[in-house]
Amino acid sequence: MRWVVDAVTEVAPRIPVRDRDTLLRHHDGLDGDALAERLIRNAALVTAGIGAAAGGVAAVEWVATPTLLSAPVLLAAETVAVVAVEMKLVGELHALYGNPIQGNSAQQAVLLLHSWASRRGVNPLSPGGMAAVLSSAARKELRDRLVRRFGRNLSTFAPLLTGALIAGYLNRRATNALGSTIRRDLRRYPVIDAAP
């Protein structure tokens, strides 16, 4: 799990999060909840595809039993990929609802990780700021969330292609739930005017 946590924290600053204007341009002017639904749906389809692909690879590994030794690597890679897609979704939902995650790429990564792990939107008005996010409790929450995600991805290794179907379904359901929770949470925060 330490490798997964390290990989996720390494990937987080490199996740390209589109701003609100770019999102509107890329989705033909779709806005508000309709655009949020589209973002959540697209992310859910991508994570389902990742799960299905990993399940397909796992099905091949059942044929050549020695290749099952690579199972932990496959599970870790699937977990990191799914978490990266979900963190991008979290960042874009923040941008869409007028609360873009601020700071340099490292600060944004920490806030995205915290928001993903806690299943909460980043409230720009909350006291404590970065210090609260970097607490040991927040790091433990991130590790615990990654362990749960990793465990969910174990379904990838169901025999034959059932792992692909189950993993795709579970990833899609989890991403939909995350997106809906973050969207609901962001609706409660006041919109921050992004204009200078």
N, C-alpha and C. Protein backbone atom coordinates (compact mmCIF):
# COMPACT_ATOMS: atom_id res chain seq x y z
N MET A 1 0.83 -1.21 0.00
CA MET A 1 0.00 0.00 0.00
C MET A 1 0.86 1.26 0.00
N ARG A 2 2.04 1.18 0.59
CA ARG A 2 2.89 2.37 0.61
C ARG A 2 3.21 2.82 -0.81
N TRP A 3 3.46 1.84 -1.71
CA TRP A 3 3.76 2.21 -3.10
C TRP A 3 2.55 2.91 -3.73
N VAL A 4 1.36 2.42 -3.46
CA VAL A 4 0.15 3.03 -4.04
C VAL A 4 -0.01 4.45 -3.53
N VAL A 5 0.16 4.66 -2.23
CA VAL A 5 0.05 6.00 -1.67
C VAL A 5 1.10 6.92 -2.29
N ASP A 6 2.35 6.43 -2.40
CA ASP A 6 3.41 7.23 -3.00
C ASP A 6 3.10 7.55 -4.47
N ALA A 7 2.60 6.56 -5.20
CA ALA A 7 2.29 6.77 -6.61
C ALA A 7 1.17 7.78 -6.79
N VAL A 8 0.14 7.68 -5.96
CA VAL A 8 -0.98 8.63 -6.06
C VAL A 8 -0.51 10.05 -5.74
N THR A 9 0.29 10.19 -4.69
CA THR A 9 0.76 11.53 -4.33
C THR A 9 1.74 12.06 -5.37
N GLU A 10 2.42 11.18 -6.08
CA GLU A 10 3.33 11.59 -7.15
C GLU A 10 2.55 12.03 -8.39
N VAL A 11 1.46 11.34 -8.67
CA VAL A 11 0.65 11.63 -9.86
C VAL A 11 -0.21 12.88 -9.66
N ALA A 12 -0.67 13.12 -8.46
CA ALA A 12 -1.64 14.18 -8.19
C ALA A 12 -1.25 15.56 -8.75
N PRO A 13 -0.01 16.03 -8.60
CA PRO A 13 0.31 17.36 -9.15
C PRO A 13 0.30 17.42 -10.67
N ARG A 14 0.31 16.27 -11.32
CA ARG A 14 0.37 16.22 -12.78
C ARG A 14 -0.99 16.03 -13.45
N ILE A 15 -2.03 15.96 -12.65
CA ILE A 15 -3.37 15.74 -13.21
C ILE A 15 -3.86 17.05 -13.82
N PRO A 16 -4.16 17.02 -15.13
CA PRO A 16 -4.63 18.25 -15.78
C PRO A 16 -6.11 18.50 -15.47
N VAL A 17 -6.38 19.55 -14.71
CA VAL A 17 -7.75 19.90 -14.35
C VAL A 17 -8.15 21.12 -15.19
N ARG A 18 -9.22 20.97 -15.94
CA ARG A 18 -9.68 22.08 -16.79
C ARG A 18 -10.42 23.13 -15.96
N ASP A 19 -10.26 24.39 -16.35
CA ASP A 19 -10.99 25.46 -15.68
C ASP A 19 -12.41 25.54 -16.23
N ARG A 20 -13.23 26.37 -15.63
CA ARG A 20 -14.65 26.45 -15.99
C ARG A 20 -14.85 26.82 -17.46
N ASP A 21 -14.12 27.82 -17.93
CA ASP A 21 -14.27 28.26 -19.33
C ASP A 21 -13.91 27.13 -20.30
N THR A 22 -12.85 26.41 -20.01
CA THR A 22 -12.45 25.30 -20.87
C THR A 22 -13.50 24.20 -20.84
N LEU A 23 -14.05 23.92 -19.68
CA LEU A 23 -15.11 22.91 -19.58
C LEU A 23 -16.32 23.31 -20.44
N LEU A 24 -16.70 24.57 -20.36
CA LEU A 24 -17.85 25.03 -21.15
C LEU A 24 -17.56 24.90 -22.64
N ARG A 25 -16.34 25.25 -23.05
CA ARG A 25 -15.96 25.14 -24.46
C ARG A 25 -15.95 23.68 -24.91
N HIS A 26 -15.42 22.80 -24.09
CA HIS A 26 -15.31 21.39 -24.48
C HIS A 26 -16.65 20.66 -24.48
N HIS A 27 -17.64 21.25 -23.85
CA HIS A 27 -18.95 20.59 -23.76
C HIS A 27 -20.06 21.44 -24.38
N ASP A 28 -19.71 22.15 -25.44
CA ASP A 28 -20.69 22.90 -26.24
C ASP A 28 -21.61 23.79 -25.42
N GLY A 29 -21.05 24.48 -24.43
CA GLY A 29 -21.83 25.43 -23.65
C GLY A 29 -22.71 24.82 -22.59
N LEU A 30 -22.68 23.50 -22.44
CA LEU A 30 -23.43 22.85 -21.36
C LEU A 30 -22.94 23.44 -20.04
N ASP A 31 -23.85 23.70 -19.10
CA ASP A 31 -23.45 24.37 -17.86
C ASP A 31 -24.21 23.80 -16.67
N GLY A 32 -23.76 24.15 -15.49
CA GLY A 32 -24.45 23.80 -14.25
C GLY A 32 -24.54 22.31 -14.02
N ASP A 33 -25.70 21.90 -13.50
CA ASP A 33 -25.89 20.49 -13.16
C ASP A 33 -25.83 19.58 -14.38
N ALA A 34 -26.25 20.07 -15.54
CA ALA A 34 -26.18 19.25 -16.75
C ALA A 34 -24.73 18.92 -17.10
N LEU A 35 -23.85 19.90 -16.98
CA LEU A 35 -22.43 19.67 -17.24
C LEU A 35 -21.83 18.78 -16.15
N ALA A 36 -22.23 18.99 -14.91
CA ALA A 36 -21.74 18.14 -13.82
C ALA A 36 -22.11 16.68 -14.08
N GLU A 37 -23.35 16.45 -14.51
CA GLU A 37 -23.79 15.09 -14.83
C GLU A 37 -22.93 14.48 -15.94
N ARG A 38 -22.63 15.29 -16.96
CA ARG A 38 -21.79 14.81 -18.06
C ARG A 38 -20.39 14.47 -17.58
N LEU A 39 -19.80 15.33 -16.74
CA LEU A 39 -18.46 15.08 -16.21
C LEU A 39 -18.44 13.79 -15.38
N ILE A 40 -19.45 13.63 -14.54
CA ILE A 40 -19.53 12.43 -13.69
C ILE A 40 -19.71 11.19 -14.56
N ARG A 41 -20.59 11.27 -15.54
CA ARG A 41 -20.83 10.13 -16.42
C ARG A 41 -19.57 9.74 -17.17
N ASN A 42 -18.87 10.74 -17.73
CA ASN A 42 -17.65 10.45 -18.49
C ASN A 42 -16.58 9.82 -17.60
N ALA A 43 -16.39 10.37 -16.40
CA ALA A 43 -15.39 9.82 -15.49
C ALA A 43 -15.77 8.39 -15.09
N ALA A 44 -17.06 8.16 -14.86
CA ALA A 44 -17.52 6.81 -14.49
C ALA A 44 -17.26 5.82 -15.62
N LEU A 45 -17.47 6.25 -16.86
CA LEU A 45 -17.20 5.37 -17.99
C LEU A 45 -15.71 5.06 -18.12
N VAL A 46 -14.88 6.05 -17.86
CA VAL A 46 -13.43 5.82 -17.93
C VAL A 46 -12.98 4.85 -16.85
N THR A 47 -13.46 5.05 -15.61
CA THR A 47 -13.05 4.13 -14.54
C THR A 47 -13.61 2.73 -14.78
N ALA A 48 -14.80 2.64 -15.36
CA ALA A 48 -15.34 1.32 -15.71
C ALA A 48 -14.46 0.66 -16.75
N GLY A 49 -14.00 1.43 -17.72
CA GLY A 49 -13.11 0.90 -18.74
C GLY A 49 -11.78 0.43 -18.16
N ILE A 50 -11.26 1.18 -17.21
CA ILE A 50 -10.02 0.77 -16.54
C ILE A 50 -10.23 -0.55 -15.82
N GLY A 51 -11.34 -0.66 -15.10
CA GLY A 51 -11.64 -1.91 -14.39
C GLY A 51 -11.82 -3.07 -15.35
N ALA A 52 -12.52 -2.84 -16.46
CA ALA A 52 -12.74 -3.90 -17.43
C ALA A 52 -11.42 -4.33 -18.08
N ALA A 53 -10.56 -3.36 -18.39
CA ALA A 53 -9.27 -3.70 -18.99
C ALA A 53 -8.41 -4.50 -18.02
N ALA A 54 -8.39 -4.07 -16.76
CA ALA A 54 -7.62 -4.81 -15.76
C ALA A 54 -8.19 -6.21 -15.57
N GLY A 55 -9.51 -6.32 -15.61
CA GLY A 55 -10.15 -7.64 -15.50
C GLY A 55 -9.81 -8.53 -16.69
N GLY A 56 -9.71 -7.92 -17.87
CA GLY A 56 -9.32 -8.69 -19.05
C GLY A 56 -7.90 -9.21 -18.94
N VAL A 57 -7.01 -8.37 -18.45
CA VAL A 57 -5.62 -8.80 -18.24
C VAL A 57 -5.57 -9.90 -17.19
N ALA A 58 -6.35 -9.74 -16.14
CA ALA A 58 -6.38 -10.76 -15.08
C ALA A 58 -6.90 -12.08 -15.62
N ALA A 59 -7.87 -12.03 -16.53
CA ALA A 59 -8.41 -13.26 -17.11
C ALA A 59 -7.33 -14.00 -17.89
N VAL A 60 -6.48 -13.26 -18.58
CA VAL A 60 -5.37 -13.88 -19.31
C VAL A 60 -4.37 -14.48 -18.32
N GLU A 61 -4.18 -13.81 -17.19
CA GLU A 61 -3.23 -14.31 -16.20
C GLU A 61 -3.68 -15.64 -15.60
N TRP A 62 -4.98 -15.91 -15.57
CA TRP A 62 -5.47 -17.19 -15.05
C TRP A 62 -5.03 -18.33 -15.95
N VAL A 63 -4.84 -18.06 -17.24
CA VAL A 63 -4.43 -19.09 -18.19
C VAL A 63 -2.99 -19.51 -17.93
N ALA A 64 -2.13 -18.54 -17.67
CA ALA A 64 -0.72 -18.81 -17.38
C ALA A 64 -0.48 -18.50 -15.91
N THR A 65 -0.66 -19.47 -15.08
CA THR A 65 -0.63 -19.28 -13.63
C THR A 65 0.58 -18.52 -13.12
N PRO A 66 1.79 -18.72 -13.63
CA PRO A 66 2.93 -17.96 -13.11
C PRO A 66 2.78 -16.44 -13.25
N THR A 67 1.97 -16.00 -14.21
CA THR A 67 1.78 -14.56 -14.39
C THR A 67 0.94 -13.95 -13.28
N LEU A 68 0.29 -14.79 -12.48
CA LEU A 68 -0.48 -14.26 -11.34
C LEU A 68 0.42 -13.59 -10.31
N LEU A 69 1.72 -13.84 -10.40
CA LEU A 69 2.66 -13.15 -9.50
C LEU A 69 2.66 -11.64 -9.72
N SER A 70 2.23 -11.23 -10.90
CA SER A 70 2.16 -9.79 -11.18
C SER A 70 0.85 -9.17 -10.72
N ALA A 71 -0.01 -9.93 -10.08
CA ALA A 71 -1.32 -9.44 -9.66
C ALA A 71 -1.25 -8.19 -8.78
N PRO A 72 -0.37 -8.13 -7.79
CA PRO A 72 -0.32 -6.91 -6.98
C PRO A 72 0.04 -5.66 -7.79
N VAL A 73 0.89 -5.82 -8.79
CA VAL A 73 1.27 -4.69 -9.63
C VAL A 73 0.06 -4.23 -10.45
N LEU A 74 -0.68 -5.18 -11.01
CA LEU A 74 -1.87 -4.85 -11.78
C LEU A 74 -2.90 -4.14 -10.92
N LEU A 75 -3.13 -4.64 -9.71
CA LEU A 75 -4.10 -4.00 -8.81
C LEU A 75 -3.65 -2.60 -8.43
N ALA A 76 -2.37 -2.43 -8.16
CA ALA A 76 -1.85 -1.11 -7.81
C ALA A 76 -2.00 -0.14 -8.98
N ALA A 77 -1.67 -0.60 -10.18
CA ALA A 77 -1.79 0.27 -11.35
C ALA A 77 -3.24 0.65 -11.60
N GLU A 78 -4.16 -0.31 -11.46
CA GLU A 78 -5.58 0.00 -11.63
C GLU A 78 -6.04 1.01 -10.59
N THR A 79 -5.61 0.83 -9.35
CA THR A 79 -6.00 1.74 -8.28
C THR A 79 -5.51 3.16 -8.56
N VAL A 80 -4.25 3.29 -8.94
CA VAL A 80 -3.68 4.62 -9.21
C VAL A 80 -4.41 5.28 -10.38
N ALA A 81 -4.68 4.52 -11.44
CA ALA A 81 -5.37 5.08 -12.61
C ALA A 81 -6.78 5.55 -12.25
N VAL A 82 -7.52 4.73 -11.51
CA VAL A 82 -8.88 5.10 -11.13
C VAL A 82 -8.87 6.33 -10.23
N VAL A 83 -7.97 6.37 -9.27
CA VAL A 83 -7.89 7.52 -8.36
C VAL A 83 -7.54 8.78 -9.12
N ALA A 84 -6.65 8.69 -10.11
CA ALA A 84 -6.29 9.86 -10.91
C ALA A 84 -7.50 10.40 -11.66
N VAL A 85 -8.30 9.52 -12.24
CA VAL A 85 -9.51 9.95 -12.96
C VAL A 85 -10.48 10.62 -11.98
N GLU A 86 -10.63 10.02 -10.81
CA GLU A 86 -11.56 10.57 -9.83
C GLU A 86 -11.08 11.91 -9.28
N MET A 87 -9.77 12.08 -9.11
CA MET A 87 -9.26 13.37 -8.62
C MET A 87 -9.45 14.45 -9.69
N LYS A 88 -9.28 14.09 -10.95
CA LYS A 88 -9.55 15.04 -12.03
C LYS A 88 -11.02 15.46 -12.00
N LEU A 89 -11.91 14.50 -11.79
CA LEU A 89 -13.34 14.80 -11.68
C LEU A 89 -13.59 15.76 -10.52
N VAL A 90 -12.98 15.50 -9.37
CA VAL A 90 -13.16 16.36 -8.20
C VAL A 90 -12.71 17.78 -8.52
N GLY A 91 -11.54 17.93 -9.13
CA GLY A 91 -11.03 19.26 -9.48
C GLY A 91 -11.93 19.98 -10.47
N GLU A 92 -12.44 19.27 -11.45
CA GLU A 92 -13.30 19.91 -12.46
C GLU A 92 -14.67 20.26 -11.90
N LEU A 93 -15.18 19.47 -10.98
CA LEU A 93 -16.44 19.84 -10.33
C LEU A 93 -16.24 21.11 -9.49
N HIS A 94 -15.11 21.22 -8.82
CA HIS A 94 -14.81 22.45 -8.08
C HIS A 94 -14.80 23.65 -9.02
N ALA A 95 -14.12 23.51 -10.16
CA ALA A 95 -14.05 24.62 -11.12
C ALA A 95 -15.44 24.96 -11.65
N LEU A 96 -16.23 23.95 -11.97
CA LEU A 96 -17.57 24.16 -12.51
C LEU A 96 -18.46 24.92 -11.54
N TYR A 97 -18.37 24.58 -10.25
CA TYR A 97 -19.24 25.21 -9.26
C TYR A 97 -18.64 26.48 -8.65
N GLY A 98 -17.66 27.07 -9.35
CA GLY A 98 -17.15 28.38 -8.96
C GLY A 98 -16.19 28.37 -7.79
N ASN A 99 -15.68 27.22 -7.42
CA ASN A 99 -14.71 27.11 -6.32
C ASN A 99 -13.45 26.39 -6.80
N PRO A 100 -12.77 26.94 -7.81
CA PRO A 100 -11.58 26.23 -8.31
C PRO A 100 -10.54 26.09 -7.21
N ILE A 101 -9.84 24.99 -7.25
CA ILE A 101 -8.81 24.74 -6.25
C ILE A 101 -7.62 25.64 -6.56
N GLN A 102 -7.24 26.44 -5.57
CA GLN A 102 -6.23 27.46 -5.73
C GLN A 102 -4.85 26.96 -5.31
N GLY A 103 -3.82 27.72 -5.69
CA GLY A 103 -2.45 27.45 -5.27
C GLY A 103 -1.62 26.91 -6.41
N ASN A 104 -0.35 26.63 -6.09
CA ASN A 104 0.53 26.04 -7.10
C ASN A 104 0.16 24.57 -7.26
N SER A 105 0.83 23.87 -8.17
CA SER A 105 0.43 22.49 -8.46
C SER A 105 0.55 21.58 -7.23
N ALA A 106 1.55 21.79 -6.40
CA ALA A 106 1.69 20.96 -5.20
C ALA A 106 0.56 21.23 -4.21
N GLN A 107 0.21 22.50 -4.01
CA GLN A 107 -0.89 22.83 -3.10
C GLN A 107 -2.22 22.31 -3.64
N GLN A 108 -2.43 22.46 -4.94
CA GLN A 108 -3.65 21.94 -5.54
C GLN A 108 -3.74 20.42 -5.39
N ALA A 109 -2.60 19.74 -5.55
CA ALA A 109 -2.57 18.29 -5.42
C ALA A 109 -2.96 17.86 -4.01
N VAL A 110 -2.45 18.55 -3.02
CA VAL A 110 -2.77 18.22 -1.62
C VAL A 110 -4.27 18.41 -1.38
N LEU A 111 -4.81 19.51 -1.88
CA LEU A 111 -6.24 19.77 -1.68
C LEU A 111 -7.09 18.76 -2.44
N LEU A 112 -6.67 18.38 -3.66
CA LEU A 112 -7.41 17.36 -4.41
C LEU A 112 -7.38 16.02 -3.68
N LEU A 113 -6.21 15.65 -3.19
CA LEU A 113 -6.09 14.39 -2.44
C LEU A 113 -7.00 14.39 -1.21
N HIS A 114 -7.00 15.51 -0.52
CA HIS A 114 -7.84 15.62 0.68
C HIS A 114 -9.32 15.55 0.32
N SER A 115 -9.70 16.27 -0.72
CA SER A 115 -11.10 16.27 -1.13
C SER A 115 -11.52 14.87 -1.58
N TRP A 116 -10.67 14.21 -2.35
CA TRP A 116 -10.98 12.85 -2.81
C TRP A 116 -11.11 11.90 -1.63
N ALA A 117 -10.15 11.96 -0.71
CA ALA A 117 -10.14 11.02 0.42
C ALA A 117 -11.30 11.26 1.38
N SER A 118 -11.64 12.52 1.59
CA SER A 118 -12.70 12.83 2.56
C SER A 118 -14.09 12.81 1.94
N ARG A 119 -14.14 12.74 0.60
CA ARG A 119 -15.42 12.79 -0.12
C ARG A 119 -16.16 14.08 0.17
N ARG A 120 -15.40 15.16 0.30
CA ARG A 120 -15.96 16.49 0.58
C ARG A 120 -15.34 17.49 -0.38
N GLY A 121 -16.11 18.52 -0.69
CA GLY A 121 -15.56 19.61 -1.46
C GLY A 121 -14.61 20.43 -0.61
N VAL A 122 -13.68 21.11 -1.25
CA VAL A 122 -12.76 22.00 -0.54
C VAL A 122 -13.49 23.30 -0.30
N ASN A 123 -13.70 23.65 0.96
CA ASN A 123 -14.39 24.89 1.30
C ASN A 123 -13.35 26.00 1.43
N PRO A 124 -13.38 26.99 0.52
CA PRO A 124 -12.38 28.04 0.56
C PRO A 124 -12.49 28.92 1.81
N LEU A 125 -13.59 28.84 2.51
CA LEU A 125 -13.79 29.69 3.68
C LEU A 125 -13.51 28.97 5.00
N SER A 126 -13.10 27.68 4.92
CA SER A 126 -12.89 26.93 6.15
C SER A 126 -11.60 27.36 6.84
N PRO A 127 -11.61 27.40 8.16
CA PRO A 127 -10.40 27.77 8.88
C PRO A 127 -9.37 26.65 8.83
N GLY A 128 -8.12 26.99 8.95
CA GLY A 128 -7.07 25.99 9.00
C GLY A 128 -6.34 25.82 7.69
N GLY A 129 -7.03 25.93 6.58
CA GLY A 129 -6.42 25.86 5.26
C GLY A 129 -5.53 24.65 5.07
N MET A 130 -4.35 24.88 4.51
CA MET A 130 -3.42 23.81 4.16
C MET A 130 -2.94 23.05 5.40
N ALA A 131 -2.77 23.73 6.51
CA ALA A 131 -2.27 23.05 7.71
C ALA A 131 -3.23 21.94 8.12
N ALA A 132 -4.53 22.20 8.02
CA ALA A 132 -5.51 21.18 8.39
C ALA A 132 -5.46 20.01 7.42
N VAL A 133 -5.24 20.30 6.14
CA VAL A 133 -5.20 19.26 5.12
C VAL A 133 -3.98 18.37 5.31
N LEU A 134 -2.86 18.94 5.72
CA LEU A 134 -1.62 18.18 5.83
C LEU A 134 -1.47 17.45 7.15
N SER A 135 -2.47 17.48 7.98
CA SER A 135 -2.38 16.84 9.28
C SER A 135 -2.21 15.33 9.13
N SER A 136 -1.76 14.70 10.19
CA SER A 136 -1.58 13.25 10.14
C SER A 136 -2.93 12.55 10.00
N ALA A 137 -3.98 13.15 10.53
CA ALA A 137 -5.31 12.56 10.37
C ALA A 137 -5.71 12.53 8.89
N ALA A 138 -5.37 13.59 8.17
CA ALA A 138 -5.70 13.64 6.74
C ALA A 138 -4.88 12.59 5.98
N ARG A 139 -3.63 12.42 6.34
CA ARG A 139 -2.81 11.39 5.68
C ARG A 139 -3.35 9.99 5.97
N LYS A 140 -3.80 9.77 7.19
CA LYS A 140 -4.38 8.47 7.54
C LYS A 140 -5.67 8.24 6.75
N GLU A 141 -6.47 9.29 6.63
CA GLU A 141 -7.72 9.19 5.87
C GLU A 141 -7.43 8.83 4.41
N LEU A 142 -6.39 9.45 3.83
CA LEU A 142 -6.01 9.14 2.45
C LEU A 142 -5.60 7.68 2.34
N ARG A 143 -4.74 7.22 3.24
CA ARG A 143 -4.29 5.83 3.21
C ARG A 143 -5.47 4.87 3.35
N ASP A 144 -6.37 5.15 4.28
CA ASP A 144 -7.52 4.29 4.50
C ASP A 144 -8.43 4.25 3.27
N ARG A 145 -8.63 5.39 2.63
CA ARG A 145 -9.47 5.44 1.43
C ARG A 145 -8.81 4.64 0.30
N LEU A 146 -7.48 4.74 0.18
CA LEU A 146 -6.78 3.98 -0.85
C LEU A 146 -6.84 2.48 -0.58
N VAL A 147 -6.77 2.09 0.68
CA VAL A 147 -6.89 0.67 1.03
C VAL A 147 -8.27 0.16 0.62
N ARG A 148 -9.32 0.94 0.89
CA ARG A 148 -10.67 0.52 0.49
C ARG A 148 -10.78 0.42 -1.03
N ARG A 149 -10.21 1.39 -1.74
CA ARG A 149 -10.24 1.37 -3.20
C ARG A 149 -9.47 0.15 -3.71
N PHE A 150 -8.31 -0.12 -3.15
CA PHE A 150 -7.49 -1.26 -3.54
C PHE A 150 -8.27 -2.56 -3.31
N GLY A 151 -8.91 -2.66 -2.16
CA GLY A 151 -9.71 -3.85 -1.86
C GLY A 151 -10.85 -4.04 -2.82
N ARG A 152 -11.49 -2.94 -3.21
CA ARG A 152 -12.60 -3.03 -4.17
C ARG A 152 -12.08 -3.55 -5.51
N ASN A 153 -10.84 -3.20 -5.84
CA ASN A 153 -10.28 -3.62 -7.12
C ASN A 153 -9.89 -5.10 -7.14
N LEU A 154 -9.92 -5.77 -5.99
CA LEU A 154 -9.64 -7.21 -5.96
C LEU A 154 -10.63 -7.99 -6.81
N SER A 155 -11.82 -7.42 -7.04
CA SER A 155 -12.82 -8.10 -7.86
C SER A 155 -12.32 -8.31 -9.28
N THR A 156 -11.31 -7.57 -9.68
CA THR A 156 -10.71 -7.72 -11.00
C THR A 156 -10.26 -9.15 -11.25
N PHE A 157 -9.88 -9.85 -10.19
CA PHE A 157 -9.30 -11.18 -10.35
C PHE A 157 -10.31 -12.32 -10.23
N ALA A 158 -11.58 -12.02 -10.42
CA ALA A 158 -12.57 -13.10 -10.50
C ALA A 158 -12.24 -13.95 -11.74
N PRO A 159 -12.52 -15.24 -11.72
CA PRO A 159 -12.15 -16.10 -12.84
C PRO A 159 -12.80 -15.69 -14.16
N LEU A 160 -12.12 -16.06 -15.22
CA LEU A 160 -12.54 -15.79 -16.60
C LEU A 160 -12.76 -14.29 -16.79
N LEU A 161 -13.78 -13.90 -17.50
CA LEU A 161 -14.00 -12.47 -17.74
C LEU A 161 -15.00 -11.87 -16.76
N THR A 162 -15.44 -12.62 -15.78
CA THR A 162 -16.37 -12.05 -14.79
C THR A 162 -15.68 -10.94 -14.01
N GLY A 163 -14.36 -11.03 -13.83
CA GLY A 163 -13.62 -9.97 -13.14
C GLY A 163 -13.72 -8.66 -13.89
N ALA A 164 -13.66 -8.72 -15.22
CA ALA A 164 -13.77 -7.50 -16.02
C ALA A 164 -15.14 -6.86 -15.85
N LEU A 165 -16.18 -7.68 -15.86
CA LEU A 165 -17.54 -7.15 -15.70
C LEU A 165 -17.74 -6.56 -14.30
N ILE A 166 -17.32 -7.31 -13.29
CA ILE A 166 -17.51 -6.85 -11.91
C ILE A 166 -16.69 -5.60 -11.63
N ALA A 167 -15.41 -5.61 -12.05
CA ALA A 167 -14.54 -4.46 -11.81
C ALA A 167 -15.07 -3.21 -12.52
N GLY A 168 -15.51 -3.37 -13.75
CA GLY A 168 -16.07 -2.23 -14.48
C GLY A 168 -17.30 -1.67 -13.79
N TYR A 169 -18.18 -2.57 -13.36
CA TYR A 169 -19.40 -2.14 -12.67
C TYR A 169 -19.08 -1.44 -11.36
N LEU A 170 -18.21 -2.03 -10.54
CA LEU A 170 -17.89 -1.44 -9.23
C LEU A 170 -17.18 -0.09 -9.38
N ASN A 171 -16.25 0.01 -10.34
CA ASN A 171 -15.57 1.28 -10.55
C ASN A 171 -16.55 2.36 -11.00
N ARG A 172 -17.42 2.00 -11.91
CA ARG A 172 -18.41 2.98 -12.40
C ARG A 172 -19.32 3.44 -11.27
N ARG A 173 -19.80 2.50 -10.47
CA ARG A 173 -20.69 2.84 -9.36
C ARG A 173 -19.97 3.74 -8.34
N ALA A 174 -18.73 3.41 -8.02
CA ALA A 174 -17.98 4.20 -7.03
C ALA A 174 -17.70 5.62 -7.54
N THR A 175 -17.37 5.75 -8.82
CA THR A 175 -17.10 7.08 -9.38
C THR A 175 -18.37 7.90 -9.44
N ASN A 176 -19.48 7.28 -9.82
CA ASN A 176 -20.77 8.00 -9.80
C ASN A 176 -21.10 8.49 -8.40
N ALA A 177 -20.90 7.65 -7.41
CA ALA A 177 -21.20 8.03 -6.02
C ALA A 177 -20.29 9.17 -5.57
N LEU A 178 -19.01 9.09 -5.89
CA LEU A 178 -18.07 10.16 -5.54
C LEU A 178 -18.50 11.48 -6.17
N GLY A 179 -18.77 11.46 -7.47
CA GLY A 179 -19.16 12.67 -8.17
C GLY A 179 -20.43 13.28 -7.60
N SER A 180 -21.41 12.46 -7.32
CA SER A 180 -22.66 12.96 -6.75
C SER A 180 -22.46 13.57 -5.37
N THR A 181 -21.62 12.92 -4.56
CA THR A 181 -21.35 13.43 -3.21
C THR A 181 -20.62 14.76 -3.25
N ILE A 182 -19.60 14.85 -4.08
CA ILE A 182 -18.82 16.10 -4.19
C ILE A 182 -19.71 17.21 -4.74
N ARG A 183 -20.51 16.90 -5.76
CA ARG A 183 -21.40 17.92 -6.34
C ARG A 183 -22.38 18.44 -5.30
N ARG A 184 -22.98 17.54 -4.54
CA ARG A 184 -23.92 17.94 -3.49
C ARG A 184 -23.23 18.83 -2.46
N ASP A 185 -22.01 18.48 -2.10
CA ASP A 185 -21.26 19.24 -1.11
C ASP A 185 -20.89 20.63 -1.65
N LEU A 186 -20.49 20.70 -2.91
CA LEU A 186 -20.08 21.99 -3.49
C LEU A 186 -21.26 22.95 -3.65
N ARG A 187 -22.44 22.44 -3.81
CA ARG A 187 -23.62 23.31 -3.93
C ARG A 187 -23.85 24.12 -2.66
N ARG A 188 -23.35 23.64 -1.52
CA ARG A 188 -23.58 24.33 -0.25
C ARG A 188 -22.64 25.52 -0.03
N TYR A 189 -21.52 25.54 -0.76
CA TYR A 189 -20.55 26.61 -0.54
C TYR A 189 -20.90 27.83 -1.37
N PRO A 190 -20.57 29.01 -0.86
CA PRO A 190 -20.80 30.20 -1.68
C PRO A 190 -19.86 30.21 -2.87
N VAL A 191 -20.34 30.71 -3.99
CA VAL A 191 -19.52 30.79 -5.20
C VAL A 191 -18.49 31.91 -5.01
N ILE A 192 -17.24 31.59 -5.33
CA ILE A 192 -16.17 32.57 -5.25
C ILE A 192 -15.99 33.17 -6.63
N ASP A 193 -16.07 34.49 -6.73
CA ASP A 193 -15.91 35.15 -8.01
C ASP A 193 -14.46 35.00 -8.44
N ALA A 194 -14.26 34.38 -9.62
CA ALA A 194 -12.91 34.10 -10.12
C ALA A 194 -12.31 35.31 -10.83
N ALA A 195 -13.10 36.34 -11.08
CA ALA A 195 -12.57 37.51 -11.80
C ALA A 195 -11.56 38.25 -10.93
N PRO A 196 -10.48 38.83 -11.57
CA PRO A 196 -9.47 39.52 -10.79
C PRO A 196 -9.98 40.81 -10.19
